[in-house]
Amino acid sequence: MVQLIECYDFLMKGVNLASLADETGPLGLDQTGLAAALGVTQAAVSQWVSGRRAPSPSVTATLERAASEPEAVVLAHTSRGQAVTAPANRWTPAFTPASQFRLPLRIDWSGRDKDRWRDARKDSDRVLAYTLVIDEGGPGDIARWVDPQFVADHWDQMMIARERREPWRRHLAALGYFKGGDGAH
């Protein structure tokens, strides 16, 4: 067991999985939410946290990417002085759920727990989830959850707050996510 934990610590470069699988931790996800984001079972996450098993190298890489903070850029400021921030460079989301998923409570804080679950197979659920993350999250949250190509491809459906919408359109255009244009209409 000690060898497994030592190996696991080496793979995770000091990232504590127990803190990642805690709603008060840096990802804001409990074991169930983390399992859904990774496409594994809650039992698997529980075994990783307890040290009985280690995640696969691909899951470890995903967790390391999710736990890291990307280089960020301030796109604008709202009328209340809040910075509109985003990852500075092109990104691929760390979490790409294939079915049901739930955003961290600090981002999706409205409604009952059971109503906060989204279905990644439904474009309307992804539009809502990405809108919430862009409006309520920071660059790390965006890099974990938001698929920028999906946002660009569904720009007309995105319900991003007015003060954030134009800076985000310009940013996605500058990063080359809009195919054949800049997303402006």
Protein backbone atom coordinates (compact mmCIF):
# COMPACT_ATOMS: atom_id res chain seq x y z
CA MET A 1 0.00 0.00 0.00
CA VAL A 2 2.82 2.46 0.79
CA GLN A 3 4.35 1.87 -2.66
CA LEU A 4 1.00 2.59 -4.31
CA ILE A 5 0.59 5.84 -2.41
CA GLU A 6 4.20 6.89 -3.12
CA CYS A 7 3.72 6.09 -6.82
CA TYR A 8 0.44 7.99 -6.79
CA ASP A 9 2.03 11.05 -5.14
CA PHE A 10 4.75 11.00 -7.79
CA LEU A 11 2.18 10.83 -10.60
CA MET A 12 0.07 13.62 -9.16
CA LYS A 13 3.09 15.89 -8.54
CA GLY A 14 1.92 16.71 -5.05
CA VAL A 15 -1.76 17.25 -5.94
CA ASN A 16 -3.89 15.81 -3.15
CA LEU A 17 -6.71 13.75 -4.65
CA ALA A 18 -8.75 13.92 -1.45
CA SER A 19 -8.87 17.71 -1.79
CA LEU A 20 -9.81 17.42 -5.49
CA ALA A 21 -12.73 15.15 -4.59
CA ASP A 22 -14.10 17.55 -1.99
CA GLU A 23 -16.76 20.17 -2.76
CA THR A 24 -14.73 22.72 -0.80
CA GLY A 25 -11.55 21.84 -2.72
CA PRO A 26 -10.08 23.60 -5.74
CA LEU A 27 -12.35 21.86 -8.26
CA GLY A 28 -15.52 22.33 -6.20
CA LEU A 29 -16.65 18.76 -6.88
CA ASP A 30 -17.55 15.98 -4.49
CA GLN A 31 -16.70 12.37 -5.36
CA THR A 32 -19.90 11.92 -7.37
CA GLY A 33 -19.34 15.09 -9.37
CA LEU A 34 -15.68 14.29 -10.00
CA ALA A 35 -16.59 10.77 -11.14
CA ALA A 36 -19.16 12.17 -13.59
CA ALA A 37 -16.67 14.73 -14.93
CA LEU A 38 -14.08 11.99 -15.49
CA GLY A 39 -16.51 9.38 -16.82
CA VAL A 40 -15.72 6.87 -14.06
CA THR A 41 -17.69 5.48 -11.13
CA GLN A 42 -17.94 7.13 -7.74
CA ALA A 43 -16.54 3.88 -6.29
CA ALA A 44 -13.37 4.32 -8.36
CA VAL A 45 -12.90 7.86 -7.04
CA SER A 46 -13.49 6.60 -3.49
CA GLN A 47 -10.79 3.95 -3.95
CA TRP A 48 -8.33 6.57 -5.25
CA VAL A 49 -9.05 8.88 -2.32
CA SER A 50 -8.61 6.05 0.20
CA GLY A 51 -5.36 4.92 -1.45
CA ARG A 52 -6.63 1.43 -2.30
CA ARG A 53 -6.11 2.09 -6.02
CA ALA A 54 -4.43 4.69 -8.19
CA PRO A 55 -6.05 6.34 -11.20
CA SER A 56 -4.86 5.36 -14.64
CA PRO A 57 -2.15 7.50 -16.24
CA SER A 58 -4.73 9.16 -18.53
CA VAL A 59 -6.99 10.05 -15.59
CA THR A 60 -3.94 11.26 -13.66
CA ALA A 61 -3.01 13.53 -16.57
CA THR A 62 -6.59 14.86 -16.71
CA LEU A 63 -6.57 15.54 -12.95
CA GLU A 64 -3.23 17.33 -13.17
CA ARG A 65 -4.52 19.50 -16.01
CA ALA A 66 -7.78 20.20 -14.13
CA ALA A 67 -5.87 21.17 -10.97
CA SER A 68 -3.57 23.58 -12.79
CA GLU A 69 -4.42 27.19 -13.48
CA PRO A 70 -3.97 28.39 -17.05
CA GLU A 71 -2.32 31.63 -18.03
CA ALA A 72 -5.15 34.16 -17.91
CA VAL A 73 -6.02 37.37 -19.68
CA VAL A 74 -8.38 40.17 -18.64
CA LEU A 75 -10.73 40.80 -21.57
CA ALA A 76 -12.63 43.75 -20.09
CA HIS A 77 -14.22 45.05 -16.90
CA THR A 78 -17.92 45.11 -16.15
CA SER A 79 -19.74 48.26 -15.05
CA ARG A 80 -19.26 46.98 -11.47
CA GLY A 81 -15.51 46.77 -11.99
CA GLN A 82 -15.36 42.97 -12.18
CA ALA A 83 -12.67 41.61 -14.47
CA VAL A 84 -13.89 39.52 -17.41
CA THR A 85 -11.17 36.87 -17.61
CA ALA A 86 -10.40 33.91 -19.83
CA PRO A 87 -7.59 31.48 -20.56
CA ALA A 88 -5.01 33.46 -22.54
CA ASN A 89 -4.32 30.79 -25.14
CA ARG A 90 -6.23 28.11 -27.04
CA TRP A 91 -7.35 25.30 -24.72
CA THR A 92 -9.03 21.93 -24.64
CA PRO A 93 -11.28 21.43 -21.61
CA ALA A 94 -9.91 19.08 -18.95
CA PHE A 95 -13.38 17.64 -18.34
CA THR A 96 -15.34 16.38 -21.33
CA PRO A 97 -18.20 14.39 -19.81
CA ALA A 98 -20.01 12.06 -22.20
CA SER A 99 -23.30 11.91 -20.30
CA GLN A 100 -24.59 13.36 -17.01
CA PHE A 101 -22.42 15.94 -15.22
CA ARG A 102 -22.74 18.61 -12.55
CA LEU A 103 -20.85 21.87 -12.30
CA PRO A 104 -19.34 22.99 -8.99
CA LEU A 105 -21.84 24.55 -6.60
CA ARG A 106 -19.89 27.85 -6.55
CA ILE A 107 -20.65 28.19 -10.29
CA ASP A 108 -24.10 26.60 -10.56
CA TRP A 109 -25.54 27.63 -7.19
CA SER A 110 -29.20 27.94 -8.11
CA GLY A 111 -31.75 25.19 -7.58
CA ARG A 112 -31.79 21.82 -5.91
CA ASP A 113 -28.91 19.37 -6.28
CA LYS A 114 -30.88 17.03 -8.54
CA ASP A 115 -31.77 19.96 -10.82
CA ARG A 116 -28.10 20.93 -11.26
CA TRP A 117 -27.28 17.79 -13.28
CA ARG A 118 -26.79 18.39 -17.02
CA ASP A 119 -26.61 16.00 -19.96
CA ALA A 120 -23.53 16.49 -22.18
CA ARG A 121 -25.37 14.80 -25.07
CA LYS A 122 -27.84 17.72 -25.24
CA ASP A 123 -26.58 20.90 -26.90
CA SER A 124 -29.04 22.96 -24.84
CA ASP A 125 -27.56 21.62 -21.58
CA ARG A 126 -24.01 22.32 -22.77
CA VAL A 127 -24.97 25.86 -23.83
CA LEU A 128 -26.44 26.49 -20.37
CA ALA A 129 -23.47 24.94 -18.55
CA TYR A 130 -20.86 26.83 -20.58
CA THR A 131 -22.79 30.08 -20.15
CA LEU A 132 -22.79 29.57 -16.37
CA VAL A 133 -19.06 28.84 -16.30
CA ILE A 134 -18.19 31.86 -18.48
CA ASP A 135 -20.41 34.18 -16.40
CA GLU A 136 -19.62 32.80 -12.93
CA GLY A 137 -16.23 31.06 -13.13
CA GLY A 138 -12.64 32.08 -13.52
CA PRO A 139 -10.06 31.08 -16.14
CA GLY A 140 -9.33 27.78 -14.35
CA ASP A 141 -13.01 26.85 -14.32
CA ILE A 142 -13.30 27.77 -17.98
CA ALA A 143 -10.25 25.69 -18.93
CA ARG A 144 -11.68 22.74 -16.96
CA TRP A 145 -15.18 22.80 -18.39
CA VAL A 146 -15.75 24.96 -21.46
CA ASP A 147 -15.19 23.63 -24.97
CA PRO A 148 -14.31 26.86 -26.83
CA GLN A 149 -15.00 25.37 -30.26
CA PHE A 150 -18.51 24.37 -29.15
CA VAL A 151 -19.06 27.92 -27.83
CA ALA A 152 -17.96 29.42 -31.16
CA ASP A 153 -20.06 26.94 -33.15
CA HIS A 154 -23.13 27.73 -31.01
CA TRP A 155 -22.41 31.44 -30.52
CA ASP A 156 -25.93 32.56 -31.46
CA GLN A 157 -27.39 30.28 -28.75
CA MET A 158 -24.98 31.31 -25.98
CA MET A 159 -26.67 33.44 -23.30
CA ILE A 160 -23.51 35.11 -22.00
CA ALA A 161 -24.11 38.26 -19.97
CA ARG A 162 -24.11 41.40 -22.14
CA GLU A 163 -20.95 42.93 -20.63
CA ARG A 164 -19.05 39.68 -21.18
CA ARG A 165 -20.42 38.71 -24.58
CA GLU A 166 -18.50 41.06 -26.89
CA PRO A 167 -15.13 40.66 -25.13
CA TRP A 168 -15.58 36.89 -25.31
CA ARG A 169 -16.52 37.00 -29.00
CA ARG A 170 -13.40 39.03 -29.78
CA HIS A 171 -11.23 36.69 -27.70
CA LEU A 172 -12.55 33.52 -29.33
CA ALA A 173 -12.12 35.14 -32.75
CA ALA A 174 -8.53 36.17 -31.95
CA LEU A 175 -7.77 32.59 -30.89
CA GLY A 176 -9.17 31.32 -34.20
CA TYR A 177 -12.23 29.42 -32.97
CA PHE A 178 -14.74 30.98 -35.38
CA LYS A 179 -14.65 29.17 -38.69
CA GLY A 180 -14.78 31.54 -41.64
CA GLY A 181 -15.40 34.69 -39.63
CA ASP A 182 -15.33 36.43 -36.31
CA GLY A 183 -18.75 35.44 -34.96
CA ALA A 184 -20.15 38.95 -35.43
CA HIS A 185 -23.55 39.41 -37.02
